[in-house]
């Protein structure tokens, strides 16, 4: 399962939403919201799960997309 993490403009700031968390996270800055989304994606990848981070502009258009995937064990 790929977890979707979205960063979107919200009233009074920016929100980070994910099916991996119960509640949205709110930030005054888009940069802080993006940092939190990347941190969540990295945590999920470290736990062996895949996350797709979608960053949206204020107008709703998608600005960026990142994938955080677990490391492959090539030694085994």
Protein backbone atom coordinates (compact mmCIF):
# COMPACT_ATOMS: atom_id res chain seq x y z
CA UNK A 1 0.00 0.00 0.00
CA UNK A 2 1.27 3.45 -0.89
CA UNK A 3 0.45 6.15 1.65
CA UNK A 4 -0.54 9.49 0.11
CA UNK A 5 0.63 12.65 1.90
CA UNK A 6 -0.77 15.94 0.59
CA UNK A 7 0.37 19.49 1.30
CA UNK A 8 -2.35 22.02 0.45
CA UNK A 9 -3.29 25.60 1.19
CA UNK A 10 -5.81 25.89 4.01
CA UNK A 11 -7.56 28.73 5.75
CA UNK A 12 -4.88 30.57 7.68
CA UNK A 13 -1.96 28.51 6.40
CA UNK A 14 -1.11 25.08 5.02
CA UNK A 15 -2.28 21.57 5.86
CA UNK A 16 -0.59 18.18 5.68
CA UNK A 17 -3.04 15.30 5.25
CA UNK A 18 -2.27 11.61 5.11
CA UNK A 19 -4.03 8.29 5.43
CA UNK A 20 -1.14 7.34 7.74
CA UNK A 21 -2.24 9.87 10.40
CA UNK A 22 -5.55 10.46 12.12
CA UNK A 23 -5.55 14.26 12.00
CA UNK A 24 -4.35 16.90 9.58
CA UNK A 25 -1.32 18.94 10.62
CA UNK A 26 -1.58 22.71 10.21
CA UNK A 27 1.27 25.15 9.53
CA UNK A 28 1.52 28.89 8.95
CA UNK A 29 4.24 28.37 6.34
CA UNK A 30 4.16 26.22 3.23
CA UNK A 31 7.85 25.43 3.72
CA UNK A 32 7.19 24.09 7.23
CA UNK A 33 4.30 21.99 5.92
CA UNK A 34 6.51 20.56 3.16
CA UNK A 35 9.25 19.74 5.71
CA UNK A 36 6.71 17.92 7.90
CA UNK A 37 5.39 15.95 4.92
CA UNK A 38 8.91 14.90 3.91
CA UNK A 39 9.70 13.89 7.50
CA UNK A 40 6.52 11.77 7.63
CA UNK A 41 7.39 10.18 4.28
CA UNK A 42 10.90 9.36 5.46
CA UNK A 43 9.52 7.84 8.69
CA UNK A 44 7.13 5.64 6.75
CA UNK A 45 9.96 4.53 4.42
CA UNK A 46 12.15 3.71 7.43
CA UNK A 47 9.27 1.55 8.70
CA UNK A 48 9.23 -0.37 5.40
CA UNK A 49 6.29 1.45 3.81
CA UNK A 50 6.06 3.56 0.66
CA UNK A 51 4.74 7.13 0.69
CA UNK A 52 3.90 9.52 -2.13
CA UNK A 53 4.07 13.20 -1.21
CA UNK A 54 2.02 15.61 -3.32
CA UNK A 55 2.64 19.35 -2.98
CA UNK A 56 -0.09 21.68 -4.26
CA UNK A 57 0.02 25.42 -4.94
CA UNK A 58 -2.57 27.84 -3.58
CA UNK A 59 -4.50 27.61 -6.87
CA UNK A 60 -4.83 23.83 -6.43
CA UNK A 61 -2.40 22.81 -9.16
CA UNK A 62 0.20 20.20 -8.29
CA UNK A 63 3.68 21.69 -7.94
CA UNK A 64 5.71 18.62 -6.99
CA UNK A 65 5.57 14.91 -6.29
CA UNK A 66 8.04 12.88 -4.26
CA UNK A 67 8.18 9.17 -3.50
CA UNK A 68 9.72 7.85 -0.28
CA UNK A 69 10.39 4.13 -0.59
CA UNK A 70 11.97 1.62 1.78
CA UNK A 71 15.60 0.79 1.15
CA UNK A 72 16.19 -2.41 -0.77
CA UNK A 73 18.30 -5.09 0.88
CA UNK A 74 20.55 -6.08 -2.00
CA UNK A 75 22.85 -8.16 0.22
CA UNK A 76 20.28 -10.89 0.72
